[in-house]
Amino acid sequence: MDAQKNIRAFLAVELSEEVLQAVDLLQAKLKKEIKGKISWTKSQGNHITLKFFGNIDKDDIKNICAVVEKQVALVLPLSLTIEKMGVFPDARRPRVLWLGATGDVEELTALQIKMESDFEGIGFERENRPFRAHLTLGRIKIPQETTGISESLSKYCNCTIGEFSCRELVLFQSKLTPQGAVYTKLKKFNFSG
């Protein structure tokens, strides 16, 4: 790794406090219902990632900020609902347990696609998977040794966690520690409305 590129960063939608509390309650239930090696996300770590940049430097931050500021200037606040639990890649091989976002997701996806193209123009590789607005509840370490996932998916596939107004994006720094990732806000980008 380049010594100068020592800021691990990503761009995300931050969730409301009410939604975070509801996610915590759901996770507490899931921890009792699903057994196995699962790395659960922490409340402050729950967000909807639009772009993971990896390790960047201060010049990269300036370039990223210019792209995001240009794009969010055209966006009105979005109404998003966190609901419907699922797994990636599929139920036969669950690796990631997630909650989906609905509501103004088409607008959020359109914004993500425009920024993805602009980020590619400033040297960041384009993500090869299509954007799916979600937040990660947990990462399943050994799917074969995990029980209770299908039952929980059936039980919570139509759950609604909460609705919130998305009025900004946040560029986060992520520092990896033995206790998990610690997130610091580097910059907020307010939508136009």
Protein backbone atom coordinates (compact mmCIF):
# COMPACT_ATOMS: atom_id res chain seq x y z
CA MET A 1 0.00 0.00 0.00
CA ASP A 2 1.20 3.50 -0.87
CA ALA A 3 2.25 5.22 2.39
CA GLN A 4 0.38 8.37 1.34
CA LYS A 5 -2.87 6.50 0.60
CA ASN A 6 -3.64 5.77 4.23
CA ILE A 7 -7.27 6.93 4.48
CA ARG A 8 -9.73 4.04 4.03
CA ALA A 9 -12.92 5.74 2.85
CA PHE A 10 -16.44 5.23 1.56
CA LEU A 11 -19.46 7.34 0.62
CA ALA A 12 -22.77 6.49 2.27
CA VAL A 13 -26.27 7.43 3.34
CA GLU A 14 -26.46 7.75 7.10
CA LEU A 15 -29.58 6.35 8.77
CA SER A 16 -31.78 8.23 11.24
CA GLU A 17 -31.42 7.52 14.96
CA GLU A 18 -34.92 5.99 15.05
CA VAL A 19 -34.09 3.58 12.23
CA LEU A 20 -30.77 2.65 13.90
CA GLN A 21 -32.60 1.82 17.13
CA ALA A 22 -35.11 -0.35 15.25
CA VAL A 23 -32.23 -2.15 13.48
CA ASP A 24 -30.65 -2.81 16.90
CA LEU A 25 -33.89 -4.39 18.13
CA LEU A 26 -34.09 -6.63 15.06
CA GLN A 27 -30.44 -7.66 15.42
CA ALA A 28 -31.02 -8.58 19.08
CA LYS A 29 -33.82 -10.94 17.96
CA LEU A 30 -31.71 -12.38 15.13
CA LYS A 31 -28.77 -13.09 17.45
CA LYS A 32 -31.08 -15.38 19.44
CA GLU A 33 -32.62 -17.02 16.36
CA ILE A 34 -29.56 -17.54 14.12
CA LYS A 35 -26.71 -19.70 15.40
CA GLY A 36 -23.25 -19.89 13.86
CA LYS A 37 -20.22 -17.76 13.14
CA ILE A 38 -21.64 -14.36 12.22
CA SER A 39 -19.91 -11.01 12.40
CA TRP A 40 -22.76 -8.64 13.32
CA THR A 41 -22.54 -4.96 12.35
CA LYS A 42 -22.58 -2.39 15.12
CA SER A 43 -25.33 0.21 15.24
CA GLN A 44 -23.05 3.11 14.33
CA GLY A 45 -21.76 1.04 11.42
CA ASN A 46 -25.14 0.72 9.72
CA HIS A 47 -25.44 2.81 6.57
CA ILE A 48 -26.19 2.44 2.86
CA THR A 49 -22.87 2.44 1.01
CA LEU A 50 -22.85 4.16 -2.37
CA LYS A 51 -19.14 3.76 -3.09
CA PHE A 52 -16.22 2.12 -1.30
CA PHE A 53 -12.99 3.83 -2.34
CA GLY A 54 -10.44 1.75 -0.47
CA ASN A 55 -7.25 3.52 0.58
CA ILE A 56 -7.00 7.09 -0.64
CA ASP A 57 -4.99 10.27 0.06
CA LYS A 58 -5.91 13.93 0.65
CA ASP A 59 -5.83 14.76 -3.06
CA ASP A 60 -8.27 11.92 -3.71
CA ILE A 61 -10.57 13.37 -1.03
CA LYS A 62 -10.59 16.76 -2.82
CA ASN A 63 -11.44 15.09 -6.14
CA ILE A 64 -14.15 12.91 -4.57
CA CYS A 65 -15.68 15.94 -2.83
CA ALA A 66 -15.81 17.86 -6.12
CA VAL A 67 -17.70 14.99 -7.80
CA VAL A 68 -20.18 14.55 -4.95
CA GLU A 69 -20.81 18.29 -4.50
CA LYS A 70 -21.58 18.63 -8.22
CA GLN A 71 -24.03 15.71 -8.20
CA VAL A 72 -25.89 16.37 -4.91
CA ALA A 73 -26.55 19.98 -5.98
CA LEU A 74 -29.17 18.52 -8.35
CA VAL A 75 -30.87 16.19 -5.82
CA LEU A 76 -33.87 16.87 -3.61
CA PRO A 77 -34.23 15.04 -0.26
CA LEU A 78 -35.22 11.40 -0.65
CA SER A 79 -37.71 9.41 1.38
CA LEU A 80 -36.30 5.95 2.16
CA THR A 81 -37.76 3.01 4.06
CA ILE A 82 -35.61 0.23 5.52
CA GLU A 83 -37.40 -3.10 5.25
CA LYS A 84 -37.36 -6.65 3.89
CA MET A 85 -34.53 -8.84 5.10
CA GLY A 86 -32.52 -10.87 2.60
CA VAL A 87 -29.15 -12.52 1.96
CA PHE A 88 -26.36 -12.21 -0.61
CA PRO A 89 -25.57 -13.99 -2.86
CA ASP A 90 -28.59 -16.30 -2.34
CA ALA A 91 -30.38 -18.47 0.26
CA ARG A 92 -28.35 -21.58 -0.65
CA ARG A 93 -25.04 -19.81 0.01
CA PRO A 94 -25.79 -16.96 2.42
CA ARG A 95 -22.74 -14.79 3.10
CA VAL A 96 -24.32 -11.42 3.96
CA LEU A 97 -27.54 -10.80 5.87
CA TRP A 98 -29.10 -7.46 4.87
CA LEU A 99 -32.08 -5.12 5.04
CA GLY A 100 -33.22 -3.44 1.84
CA ALA A 101 -34.19 0.14 1.15
CA THR A 102 -37.36 1.13 -0.69
CA GLY A 103 -38.99 4.45 -1.44
CA ASP A 104 -37.01 6.90 -3.57
CA VAL A 105 -34.49 4.19 -4.46
CA GLU A 106 -34.66 4.88 -8.21
CA GLU A 107 -33.48 8.44 -7.55
CA LEU A 108 -30.74 7.21 -5.21
CA THR A 109 -29.66 4.62 -7.79
CA ALA A 110 -29.58 7.25 -10.55
CA LEU A 111 -27.37 9.44 -8.33
CA GLN A 112 -25.07 6.50 -7.56
CA ILE A 113 -24.74 5.64 -11.27
CA LYS A 114 -23.84 9.24 -12.19
CA MET A 115 -21.25 9.45 -9.42
CA GLU A 116 -19.83 6.02 -10.29
CA SER A 117 -19.16 7.29 -13.81
CA ASP A 118 -17.57 10.51 -12.48
CA PHE A 119 -15.47 8.56 -9.96
CA GLU A 120 -14.17 6.40 -12.79
CA GLY A 121 -13.13 9.63 -14.53
CA ILE A 122 -10.93 10.56 -11.54
CA GLY A 123 -9.24 7.16 -11.33
CA PHE A 124 -11.51 4.91 -9.25
CA GLU A 125 -12.42 1.53 -10.68
CA ARG A 126 -16.08 1.07 -11.50
CA GLU A 127 -17.95 -1.40 -9.27
CA ASN A 128 -18.79 -4.47 -11.36
CA ARG A 129 -21.94 -5.37 -9.39
CA PRO A 130 -25.13 -3.35 -9.82
CA PHE A 131 -25.96 -1.01 -6.93
CA ARG A 132 -28.54 -2.40 -4.49
CA ALA A 133 -29.59 -0.02 -1.73
CA HIS A 134 -29.18 -2.03 1.47
CA LEU A 135 -27.54 -2.08 4.86
CA THR A 136 -25.58 -5.05 6.15
CA LEU A 137 -26.80 -6.71 9.35
CA GLY A 138 -24.10 -9.37 9.53
CA ARG A 139 -21.53 -11.37 7.61
CA ILE A 140 -21.85 -15.14 7.78
CA LYS A 141 -18.43 -16.73 8.21
CA ILE A 142 -19.31 -20.42 7.70
CA PRO A 143 -22.72 -20.80 5.99
CA GLN A 144 -22.72 -24.61 6.30
CA GLU A 145 -22.49 -24.34 10.10
CA THR A 146 -25.14 -21.63 10.47
CA THR A 147 -28.71 -22.47 11.46
CA GLY A 148 -31.91 -20.44 11.63
CA ILE A 149 -31.32 -18.26 8.58
CA SER A 150 -34.18 -19.61 6.43
CA GLU A 151 -36.60 -19.38 9.36
CA SER A 152 -35.55 -15.79 10.06
CA LEU A 153 -35.77 -14.88 6.37
CA SER A 154 -39.34 -16.22 6.27
CA LYS A 155 -40.22 -14.41 9.48
CA TYR A 156 -38.70 -11.01 8.57
CA CYS A 157 -38.79 -10.95 4.75
CA ASN A 158 -41.67 -8.45 4.85
CA CYS A 159 -40.68 -6.53 7.99
CA THR A 160 -40.60 -2.72 7.97
CA ILE A 161 -37.92 -1.17 10.18
CA GLY A 162 -38.58 2.52 9.58
CA GLU A 163 -38.73 5.44 7.19
CA PHE A 164 -36.44 8.47 7.12
CA SER A 165 -35.63 11.49 5.01
CA CYS A 166 -32.23 11.31 3.32
CA ARG A 167 -30.98 14.90 3.01
CA GLU A 168 -27.24 14.32 2.65
CA LEU A 169 -24.43 11.93 1.84
CA VAL A 170 -21.43 11.41 4.09
CA LEU A 171 -17.82 10.62 3.20
CA PHE A 172 -16.59 8.35 5.99
CA GLN A 173 -13.15 7.22 7.03
CA SER A 174 -13.07 3.63 8.26
CA LYS A 175 -10.31 2.57 10.66
CA LEU A 176 -10.06 -1.16 11.22
CA THR A 177 -9.44 -2.18 14.83
CA PRO A 178 -9.54 -5.56 16.62
CA GLN A 179 -12.95 -4.50 17.99
CA GLY A 180 -14.27 -3.73 14.49
CA ALA A 181 -14.32 -0.72 12.21
CA VAL A 182 -14.45 2.80 13.66
CA TYR A 183 -16.09 5.40 11.41
CA THR A 184 -15.26 9.11 11.28
CA LYS A 185 -17.16 11.63 9.16
CA LEU A 186 -14.78 13.42 6.80
CA LYS A 187 -17.37 15.53 4.96
CA LYS A 188 -21.14 15.94 4.63
CA PHE A 189 -22.80 16.80 1.32
CA ASN A 190 -26.26 18.35 1.62
CA PHE A 191 -28.88 17.80 -1.07
CA SER A 192 -30.31 20.90 -2.74
CA GLY A 193 -33.76 20.91 -1.11
